[in-house]
């Protein structure tokens, strides 16, 4: 990562830290996207975060791999924002929020996937567009803490 991208990623991380520390979770998505783009060097020639590059960088479902038209695809957080926010709230609850713990949490759990519009509709119909299935939170189940659980529950393969 270049010094410029490292600086920009760190700046976004500082924004995220301030928002999480102040428990203003409704602003996170904007900063998460910027952090992700800078962290993975998905930037324009001018050095700005470029969310469109996520379509080329992120893991695609098998069906999405066969779709060349980006307009027919949807990008989603691998772990929905609600679940990611829950992990951040846990850091606050446990009094463990530091720059390092925030960076580690994001590096482990902040990722995108690319789906076809039909797969996205399937997620919406099942009520899993913005949440994880119950098994994700239940120890002893096959989906416990598996970030791909909502896709596996609907047989969306990657």
N, C-alpha and C. Protein backbone atom coordinates (compact mmCIF):
# COMPACT_ATOMS: atom_id res chain seq x y z
N UNK A 1 0.85 -1.17 0.00
CA UNK A 1 0.00 0.00 0.00
C UNK A 1 0.90 1.23 0.00
N UNK A 2 0.59 2.20 -0.86
CA UNK A 2 1.41 3.40 -0.92
C UNK A 2 1.18 4.24 0.32
N UNK A 3 2.10 5.16 0.56
CA UNK A 3 1.97 6.04 1.73
C UNK A 3 0.68 6.84 1.67
N UNK A 4 0.30 7.28 0.48
CA UNK A 4 -0.93 8.06 0.32
C UNK A 4 -2.15 7.22 0.66
N UNK A 5 -2.18 5.97 0.18
CA UNK A 5 -3.33 5.11 0.47
C UNK A 5 -3.36 4.74 1.94
N UNK A 6 -2.19 4.53 2.53
CA UNK A 6 -2.09 4.21 3.95
C UNK A 6 -2.61 5.39 4.77
N UNK A 7 -2.22 6.59 4.39
CA UNK A 7 -2.69 7.79 5.08
C UNK A 7 -4.21 7.92 4.98
N UNK A 8 -4.75 7.73 3.77
CA UNK A 8 -6.19 7.86 3.56
C UNK A 8 -6.96 6.78 4.31
N UNK A 9 -6.46 5.55 4.31
CA UNK A 9 -7.11 4.47 5.05
C UNK A 9 -7.10 4.79 6.55
N UNK A 10 -5.97 5.32 7.03
CA UNK A 10 -5.88 5.68 8.45
C UNK A 10 -6.84 6.82 8.79
N UNK A 11 -6.98 7.76 7.89
CA UNK A 11 -7.92 8.87 8.11
C UNK A 11 -9.35 8.35 8.21
N UNK A 12 -9.72 7.43 7.31
CA UNK A 12 -11.06 6.84 7.37
C UNK A 12 -11.23 6.03 8.66
N UNK A 13 -10.18 5.35 9.09
CA UNK A 13 -10.23 4.60 10.33
C UNK A 13 -10.45 5.54 11.52
N UNK A 14 -9.81 6.71 11.49
CA UNK A 14 -10.01 7.69 12.55
C UNK A 14 -11.46 8.18 12.57
N UNK A 15 -12.03 8.43 11.38
CA UNK A 15 -13.45 8.81 11.31
C UNK A 15 -14.32 7.72 11.91
N UNK A 16 -14.03 6.48 11.52
CA UNK A 16 -14.80 5.35 12.04
C UNK A 16 -14.67 5.25 13.56
N UNK A 17 -13.47 5.41 14.05
CA UNK A 17 -13.24 5.35 15.50
C UNK A 17 -14.09 6.39 16.22
N UNK A 18 -14.08 7.62 15.71
CA UNK A 18 -14.84 8.69 16.36
C UNK A 18 -16.34 8.41 16.33
N UNK A 19 -16.83 7.91 15.20
CA UNK A 19 -18.26 7.61 15.09
C UNK A 19 -18.66 6.45 16.00
N UNK A 20 -17.84 5.41 16.02
CA UNK A 20 -18.15 4.25 16.86
C UNK A 20 -18.05 4.64 18.33
N UNK A 21 -17.00 5.37 18.69
CA UNK A 21 -16.82 5.79 20.08
C UNK A 21 -17.99 6.64 20.55
N UNK A 22 -18.52 7.49 19.67
CA UNK A 22 -19.66 8.35 20.00
C UNK A 22 -20.99 7.61 19.82
N UNK A 23 -20.91 6.35 19.39
CA UNK A 23 -22.08 5.50 19.16
C UNK A 23 -23.04 6.12 18.15
N UNK A 24 -22.48 6.72 17.10
CA UNK A 24 -23.26 7.27 15.97
C UNK A 24 -23.13 6.28 14.80
N UNK A 25 -23.83 5.19 14.90
CA UNK A 25 -23.67 4.09 13.95
C UNK A 25 -24.34 4.35 12.61
N UNK A 26 -25.25 5.31 12.54
CA UNK A 26 -25.95 5.58 11.28
C UNK A 26 -25.05 6.22 10.23
N UNK A 27 -23.88 6.69 10.57
CA UNK A 27 -22.95 7.28 9.61
C UNK A 27 -21.86 6.32 9.15
N UNK A 28 -21.84 5.13 9.69
CA UNK A 28 -20.73 4.21 9.45
C UNK A 28 -20.55 3.80 8.00
N UNK A 29 -21.63 3.54 7.29
CA UNK A 29 -21.53 2.96 5.96
C UNK A 29 -20.63 3.79 5.03
N UNK A 30 -20.77 5.09 5.09
CA UNK A 30 -19.97 5.97 4.23
C UNK A 30 -18.48 5.81 4.54
N UNK A 31 -18.13 5.79 5.80
CA UNK A 31 -16.73 5.67 6.19
C UNK A 31 -16.20 4.25 5.95
N UNK A 32 -17.06 3.25 6.13
CA UNK A 32 -16.64 1.87 5.89
C UNK A 32 -16.24 1.67 4.43
N UNK A 33 -17.05 2.23 3.53
CA UNK A 33 -16.74 2.10 2.11
C UNK A 33 -15.41 2.77 1.77
N UNK A 34 -15.20 3.96 2.29
CA UNK A 34 -13.94 4.66 2.04
C UNK A 34 -12.76 3.90 2.61
N UNK A 35 -12.90 3.40 3.83
CA UNK A 35 -11.82 2.62 4.44
C UNK A 35 -11.50 1.39 3.60
N UNK A 36 -12.53 0.69 3.19
CA UNK A 36 -12.33 -0.52 2.38
C UNK A 36 -11.61 -0.19 1.08
N UNK A 37 -12.05 0.86 0.41
CA UNK A 37 -11.43 1.23 -0.87
C UNK A 37 -9.96 1.60 -0.69
N UNK A 38 -9.66 2.43 0.28
CA UNK A 38 -8.27 2.83 0.49
C UNK A 38 -7.43 1.64 0.97
N UNK A 39 -8.00 0.81 1.81
CA UNK A 39 -7.28 -0.35 2.34
C UNK A 39 -6.87 -1.31 1.23
N UNK A 40 -7.73 -1.41 0.21
CA UNK A 40 -7.46 -2.34 -0.88
C UNK A 40 -7.02 -1.63 -2.17
N UNK A 41 -6.66 -0.36 -2.03
CA UNK A 41 -6.15 0.46 -3.13
C UNK A 41 -7.13 0.54 -4.30
N UNK A 42 -8.39 0.66 -3.99
CA UNK A 42 -9.42 0.82 -5.01
C UNK A 42 -9.69 2.32 -5.14
N UNK A 43 -8.84 2.97 -5.90
CA UNK A 43 -8.88 4.43 -5.98
C UNK A 43 -8.82 4.89 -7.44
N UNK A 44 -9.27 6.11 -7.65
CA UNK A 44 -9.20 6.72 -8.98
C UNK A 44 -7.77 7.19 -9.22
N UNK A 45 -7.51 7.67 -10.41
CA UNK A 45 -6.18 8.22 -10.71
C UNK A 45 -5.86 9.44 -9.84
N UNK A 46 -6.91 10.09 -9.37
CA UNK A 46 -6.72 11.25 -8.50
C UNK A 46 -6.54 10.85 -7.04
N UNK A 47 -6.60 9.54 -6.76
CA UNK A 47 -6.38 9.06 -5.40
C UNK A 47 -7.62 9.04 -4.52
N UNK A 48 -8.80 9.18 -5.11
CA UNK A 48 -10.05 9.15 -4.34
C UNK A 48 -10.59 7.73 -4.30
N UNK A 49 -11.29 7.40 -3.23
CA UNK A 49 -11.91 6.08 -3.12
C UNK A 49 -12.86 5.86 -4.29
N UNK A 50 -12.80 4.68 -4.89
CA UNK A 50 -13.60 4.38 -6.08
C UNK A 50 -14.42 3.11 -5.84
N UNK A 51 -15.65 3.29 -5.37
CA UNK A 51 -16.50 2.15 -5.04
C UNK A 51 -16.81 1.27 -6.24
N UNK A 52 -16.73 1.82 -7.46
CA UNK A 52 -17.04 1.00 -8.64
C UNK A 52 -16.02 -0.12 -8.82
N UNK A 53 -14.80 0.08 -8.33
CA UNK A 53 -13.77 -0.95 -8.45
C UNK A 53 -14.07 -2.16 -7.56
N UNK A 54 -14.97 -1.98 -6.59
CA UNK A 54 -15.36 -3.10 -5.74
C UNK A 54 -15.96 -4.22 -6.60
N UNK A 55 -16.64 -3.86 -7.69
CA UNK A 55 -17.24 -4.86 -8.56
C UNK A 55 -16.18 -5.77 -9.20
N UNK A 56 -15.01 -5.25 -9.42
CA UNK A 56 -13.94 -6.05 -10.00
C UNK A 56 -13.10 -6.76 -8.94
N UNK A 57 -13.10 -6.23 -7.73
CA UNK A 57 -12.23 -6.73 -6.67
C UNK A 57 -12.90 -7.79 -5.79
N UNK A 58 -14.16 -7.57 -5.44
CA UNK A 58 -14.85 -8.42 -4.48
C UNK A 58 -15.17 -9.80 -5.06
N UNK A 59 -15.37 -10.73 -4.16
CA UNK A 59 -15.72 -12.10 -4.54
C UNK A 59 -17.12 -12.11 -5.15
N UNK A 60 -17.25 -12.79 -6.28
CA UNK A 60 -18.53 -12.89 -6.98
C UNK A 60 -19.15 -14.26 -6.76
N UNK A 61 -20.47 -14.28 -6.71
CA UNK A 61 -21.15 -15.57 -6.68
C UNK A 61 -20.89 -16.26 -8.01
N UNK A 62 -21.13 -17.55 -8.06
CA UNK A 62 -20.92 -18.28 -9.32
C UNK A 62 -21.79 -17.71 -10.43
N UNK A 63 -23.03 -17.37 -10.09
CA UNK A 63 -23.93 -16.79 -11.10
C UNK A 63 -23.43 -15.42 -11.54
N UNK A 64 -22.92 -14.62 -10.62
CA UNK A 64 -22.43 -13.28 -10.95
C UNK A 64 -21.18 -13.34 -11.81
N UNK A 65 -20.42 -14.41 -11.71
CA UNK A 65 -19.21 -14.56 -12.52
C UNK A 65 -19.55 -14.64 -14.01
N UNK A 66 -20.77 -15.04 -14.32
CA UNK A 66 -21.17 -15.19 -15.71
C UNK A 66 -21.88 -13.95 -16.26
N UNK A 67 -21.96 -12.89 -15.46
CA UNK A 67 -22.66 -11.67 -15.88
C UNK A 67 -21.64 -10.57 -16.14
N UNK A 68 -21.45 -10.18 -17.40
CA UNK A 68 -20.45 -9.15 -17.70
C UNK A 68 -20.94 -7.71 -17.45
N UNK A 69 -22.26 -7.50 -17.46
CA UNK A 69 -22.82 -6.15 -17.31
C UNK A 69 -22.96 -5.79 -15.83
N UNK A 70 -22.15 -4.84 -15.38
CA UNK A 70 -22.17 -4.44 -13.97
C UNK A 70 -23.54 -3.96 -13.52
N UNK A 71 -24.33 -3.43 -14.42
CA UNK A 71 -25.65 -2.94 -14.05
C UNK A 71 -26.59 -4.07 -13.63
N UNK A 72 -26.23 -5.29 -13.95
CA UNK A 72 -27.03 -6.45 -13.57
C UNK A 72 -26.54 -7.09 -12.27
N UNK A 73 -25.59 -6.42 -11.62
CA UNK A 73 -24.99 -6.95 -10.39
C UNK A 73 -25.24 -6.02 -9.21
N UNK A 74 -25.12 -6.57 -8.02
CA UNK A 74 -25.33 -5.82 -6.79
C UNK A 74 -24.15 -6.11 -5.87
N UNK A 75 -23.64 -5.07 -5.21
CA UNK A 75 -22.58 -5.27 -4.22
C UNK A 75 -23.19 -5.15 -2.84
N UNK A 76 -22.81 -6.07 -1.99
CA UNK A 76 -23.32 -6.09 -0.61
C UNK A 76 -22.16 -6.36 0.33
N UNK A 77 -22.32 -5.91 1.57
CA UNK A 77 -21.37 -6.32 2.59
C UNK A 77 -21.52 -7.83 2.78
N UNK A 78 -20.40 -8.52 2.88
CA UNK A 78 -20.45 -9.97 3.16
C UNK A 78 -21.20 -10.19 4.46
N UNK A 79 -20.83 -9.45 5.47
CA UNK A 79 -21.52 -9.46 6.76
C UNK A 79 -22.38 -8.20 6.77
N UNK A 80 -23.70 -8.34 6.89
CA UNK A 80 -24.55 -7.14 6.80
C UNK A 80 -24.14 -6.06 7.81
N UNK A 81 -24.45 -4.84 7.48
CA UNK A 81 -24.08 -3.71 8.33
C UNK A 81 -24.60 -3.90 9.75
N UNK A 82 -25.80 -4.46 9.91
CA UNK A 82 -26.35 -4.67 11.25
C UNK A 82 -25.47 -5.61 12.07
N UNK A 83 -24.97 -6.68 11.46
CA UNK A 83 -24.11 -7.63 12.17
C UNK A 83 -22.73 -7.02 12.45
N UNK A 84 -22.20 -6.28 11.48
CA UNK A 84 -20.92 -5.61 11.68
C UNK A 84 -21.03 -4.57 12.79
N UNK A 85 -22.13 -3.83 12.78
CA UNK A 85 -22.38 -2.84 13.83
C UNK A 85 -22.45 -3.52 15.19
N UNK A 86 -23.06 -4.69 15.23
CA UNK A 86 -23.12 -5.45 16.48
C UNK A 86 -21.74 -5.79 17.01
N UNK A 87 -20.83 -6.15 16.11
CA UNK A 87 -19.46 -6.45 16.53
C UNK A 87 -18.77 -5.20 17.08
N UNK A 88 -19.06 -4.05 16.47
CA UNK A 88 -18.47 -2.80 16.94
C UNK A 88 -19.07 -2.40 18.30
N UNK A 89 -20.35 -2.64 18.47
CA UNK A 89 -21.00 -2.35 19.76
C UNK A 89 -20.42 -3.24 20.86
N UNK A 90 -20.05 -4.46 20.50
CA UNK A 90 -19.43 -5.36 21.47
C UNK A 90 -18.09 -4.81 21.93
N UNK A 91 -17.33 -4.22 21.01
CA UNK A 91 -16.06 -3.59 21.41
C UNK A 91 -16.30 -2.48 22.42
N UNK A 92 -17.36 -1.69 22.21
CA UNK A 92 -17.68 -0.61 23.15
C UNK A 92 -18.12 -1.19 24.49
N UNK A 93 -19.05 -2.16 24.43
CA UNK A 93 -19.58 -2.78 25.65
C UNK A 93 -18.46 -3.36 26.50
N UNK A 94 -17.50 -4.02 25.83
CA UNK A 94 -16.41 -4.66 26.55
C UNK A 94 -15.26 -3.71 26.87
N UNK A 95 -15.46 -2.43 26.58
CA UNK A 95 -14.44 -1.40 26.80
C UNK A 95 -13.13 -1.79 26.13
N UNK A 96 -13.24 -2.31 24.89
CA UNK A 96 -12.08 -2.79 24.15
C UNK A 96 -11.85 -2.01 22.87
N UNK A 97 -12.55 -0.89 22.70
CA UNK A 97 -12.42 -0.11 21.47
C UNK A 97 -11.12 0.70 21.48
N UNK A 98 -10.23 0.34 20.57
CA UNK A 98 -9.00 1.09 20.33
C UNK A 98 -8.85 1.16 18.81
N UNK A 99 -7.93 1.97 18.34
CA UNK A 99 -7.67 2.00 16.89
C UNK A 99 -7.29 0.60 16.40
N UNK A 100 -6.44 -0.05 17.17
CA UNK A 100 -5.97 -1.38 16.76
C UNK A 100 -7.10 -2.40 16.75
N UNK A 101 -7.96 -2.39 17.78
CA UNK A 101 -9.05 -3.37 17.82
C UNK A 101 -10.08 -3.08 16.74
N UNK A 102 -10.30 -1.80 16.45
CA UNK A 102 -11.22 -1.43 15.38
C UNK A 102 -10.67 -1.88 14.03
N UNK A 103 -9.40 -1.62 13.78
CA UNK A 103 -8.77 -2.04 12.53
C UNK A 103 -8.81 -3.55 12.38
N UNK A 104 -8.53 -4.27 13.46
CA UNK A 104 -8.57 -5.73 13.41
C UNK A 104 -9.97 -6.24 13.11
N UNK A 105 -10.96 -5.67 13.76
CA UNK A 105 -12.35 -6.07 13.52
C UNK A 105 -12.75 -5.83 12.07
N UNK A 106 -12.41 -4.66 11.56
CA UNK A 106 -12.76 -4.34 10.17
C UNK A 106 -12.00 -5.21 9.18
N UNK A 107 -10.73 -5.43 9.44
CA UNK A 107 -9.94 -6.26 8.53
C UNK A 107 -10.44 -7.70 8.50
N UNK A 108 -11.02 -8.17 9.61
CA UNK A 108 -11.56 -9.52 9.67
C UNK A 108 -12.97 -9.62 9.07
N UNK A 109 -13.77 -8.58 9.23
CA UNK A 109 -15.20 -8.71 8.93
C UNK A 109 -15.73 -7.79 7.83
N UNK A 110 -14.97 -6.78 7.44
CA UNK A 110 -15.45 -5.86 6.41
C UNK A 110 -15.01 -6.36 5.04
N UNK A 111 -15.97 -6.82 4.29
CA UNK A 111 -15.70 -7.32 2.95
C UNK A 111 -16.99 -7.20 2.14
N UNK A 112 -16.84 -7.24 0.85
CA UNK A 112 -17.98 -7.16 -0.05
C UNK A 112 -18.11 -8.43 -0.86
N UNK A 113 -19.32 -8.69 -1.32
CA UNK A 113 -19.58 -9.76 -2.28
C UNK A 113 -20.42 -9.16 -3.41
N UNK A 114 -20.34 -9.80 -4.56
CA UNK A 114 -21.10 -9.36 -5.73
C UNK A 114 -22.11 -10.45 -6.07
N UNK A 115 -23.37 -10.06 -6.19
CA UNK A 115 -24.45 -10.98 -6.52
C UNK A 115 -25.17 -10.51 -7.78
N UNK A 116 -25.91 -11.42 -8.39
CA UNK A 116 -26.80 -11.01 -9.47
C UNK A 116 -28.02 -10.35 -8.84
N UNK A 117 -28.75 -9.61 -9.63
CA UNK A 117 -29.98 -8.99 -9.11
C UNK A 117 -30.98 -10.05 -8.65
N UNK A 118 -31.03 -11.19 -9.35
CA UNK A 118 -31.94 -12.27 -8.95
C UNK A 118 -31.56 -12.83 -7.58
N UNK A 119 -30.27 -13.00 -7.34
CA UNK A 119 -29.82 -13.49 -6.03
C UNK A 119 -30.12 -12.48 -4.95
N UNK A 120 -29.96 -11.21 -5.25
CA UNK A 120 -30.27 -10.15 -4.29
C UNK A 120 -31.75 -10.17 -3.96
N UNK A 121 -32.61 -10.35 -4.97
CA UNK A 121 -34.05 -10.46 -4.73
C UNK A 121 -34.37 -11.66 -3.86
N UNK A 122 -33.65 -12.74 -4.06
CA UNK A 122 -33.81 -13.95 -3.26
C UNK A 122 -33.47 -13.64 -1.79
N UNK A 123 -32.40 -12.91 -1.56
CA UNK A 123 -32.03 -12.49 -0.20
C UNK A 123 -33.12 -11.63 0.42
N UNK A 124 -33.60 -10.67 -0.35
CA UNK A 124 -34.66 -9.78 0.15
C UNK A 124 -35.91 -10.56 0.52
N UNK A 125 -36.32 -11.48 -0.37
CA UNK A 125 -37.53 -12.26 -0.14
C UNK A 125 -37.41 -13.12 1.13
N UNK A 126 -36.20 -13.57 1.42
CA UNK A 126 -35.97 -14.40 2.61
C UNK A 126 -35.74 -13.55 3.86
N UNK A 127 -35.71 -12.22 3.71
CA UNK A 127 -35.48 -11.34 4.84
C UNK A 127 -34.03 -11.30 5.30
N UNK A 128 -33.12 -11.67 4.41
CA UNK A 128 -31.70 -11.74 4.77
C UNK A 128 -30.86 -10.67 4.10
N UNK A 129 -31.49 -9.69 3.51
CA UNK A 129 -30.73 -8.63 2.85
C UNK A 129 -29.87 -7.86 3.85
N UNK A 130 -30.45 -7.57 5.01
CA UNK A 130 -29.75 -6.75 5.99
C UNK A 130 -29.56 -7.42 7.34
N UNK A 131 -29.69 -8.73 7.36
CA UNK A 131 -29.48 -9.45 8.63
C UNK A 131 -28.98 -10.85 8.34
N UNK A 132 -28.46 -11.46 9.38
CA UNK A 132 -27.96 -12.83 9.28
C UNK A 132 -29.05 -13.79 9.74
N UNK A 133 -28.99 -15.04 9.28
CA UNK A 133 -29.96 -16.03 9.78
C UNK A 133 -29.71 -16.30 11.26
N UNK A 134 -30.72 -16.80 11.94
CA UNK A 134 -30.64 -17.02 13.39
C UNK A 134 -29.45 -17.91 13.75
N UNK A 135 -29.14 -18.91 12.93
CA UNK A 135 -28.05 -19.83 13.22
C UNK A 135 -26.70 -19.15 13.35
N UNK A 136 -26.55 -17.99 12.76
CA UNK A 136 -25.28 -17.26 12.85
C UNK A 136 -24.96 -16.91 14.30
N UNK A 137 -26.00 -16.68 15.10
CA UNK A 137 -25.83 -16.25 16.48
C UNK A 137 -25.94 -17.40 17.48
N UNK A 138 -26.20 -18.61 17.02
CA UNK A 138 -26.46 -19.73 17.92
C UNK A 138 -25.29 -20.73 17.92
N UNK A 139 -24.54 -20.78 19.03
CA UNK A 139 -23.45 -21.75 19.12
C UNK A 139 -23.96 -23.17 18.88
N UNK A 140 -23.14 -23.96 18.23
CA UNK A 140 -23.52 -25.34 17.97
C UNK A 140 -24.24 -25.56 16.65
N UNK A 141 -24.58 -24.48 15.95
CA UNK A 141 -25.22 -24.64 14.65
C UNK A 141 -24.17 -24.56 13.55
N UNK A 142 -24.51 -25.08 12.39
CA UNK A 142 -23.57 -25.09 11.28
C UNK A 142 -23.21 -23.67 10.80
N UNK A 143 -24.11 -22.73 11.02
CA UNK A 143 -23.87 -21.36 10.55
C UNK A 143 -23.28 -20.43 11.62
N UNK A 144 -23.00 -20.95 12.81
CA UNK A 144 -22.53 -20.10 13.89
C UNK A 144 -21.28 -19.31 13.48
N UNK A 145 -21.41 -18.00 13.50
CA UNK A 145 -20.34 -17.05 13.19
C UNK A 145 -19.72 -17.24 11.81
N UNK A 146 -20.43 -17.85 10.90
CA UNK A 146 -19.97 -18.03 9.52
C UNK A 146 -20.46 -16.84 8.69
N UNK A 147 -19.53 -16.04 8.18
CA UNK A 147 -19.92 -14.81 7.48
C UNK A 147 -20.70 -15.07 6.19
N UNK A 148 -20.60 -16.28 5.67
CA UNK A 148 -21.33 -16.62 4.43
C UNK A 148 -22.67 -17.29 4.73
N UNK A 149 -23.09 -17.32 5.97
CA UNK A 149 -24.29 -18.06 6.39
C UNK A 149 -25.54 -17.66 5.63
N UNK A 150 -25.76 -16.39 5.41
CA UNK A 150 -27.00 -15.98 4.74
C UNK A 150 -27.02 -16.42 3.29
N UNK A 151 -25.87 -16.50 2.67
CA UNK A 151 -25.80 -16.98 1.28
C UNK A 151 -25.94 -18.50 1.24
N UNK A 152 -25.30 -19.17 2.18
CA UNK A 152 -25.39 -20.63 2.24
C UNK A 152 -26.82 -21.07 2.51
N UNK A 153 -27.53 -20.32 3.35
CA UNK A 153 -28.91 -20.66 3.67
C UNK A 153 -29.80 -20.65 2.44
N UNK A 154 -29.42 -19.88 1.43
CA UNK A 154 -30.20 -19.77 0.19
C UNK A 154 -29.52 -20.48 -0.98
N UNK A 155 -28.49 -21.25 -0.70
CA UNK A 155 -27.74 -21.99 -1.72
C UNK A 155 -27.14 -21.08 -2.79
N UNK A 156 -26.70 -19.89 -2.38
CA UNK A 156 -25.96 -19.00 -3.28
C UNK A 156 -24.49 -19.38 -3.13
N UNK A 157 -23.93 -19.90 -4.21
CA UNK A 157 -22.57 -20.44 -4.15
C UNK A 157 -21.54 -19.42 -4.63
N UNK A 158 -20.35 -19.53 -4.08
CA UNK A 158 -19.21 -18.66 -4.44
C UNK A 158 -18.04 -19.50 -4.86
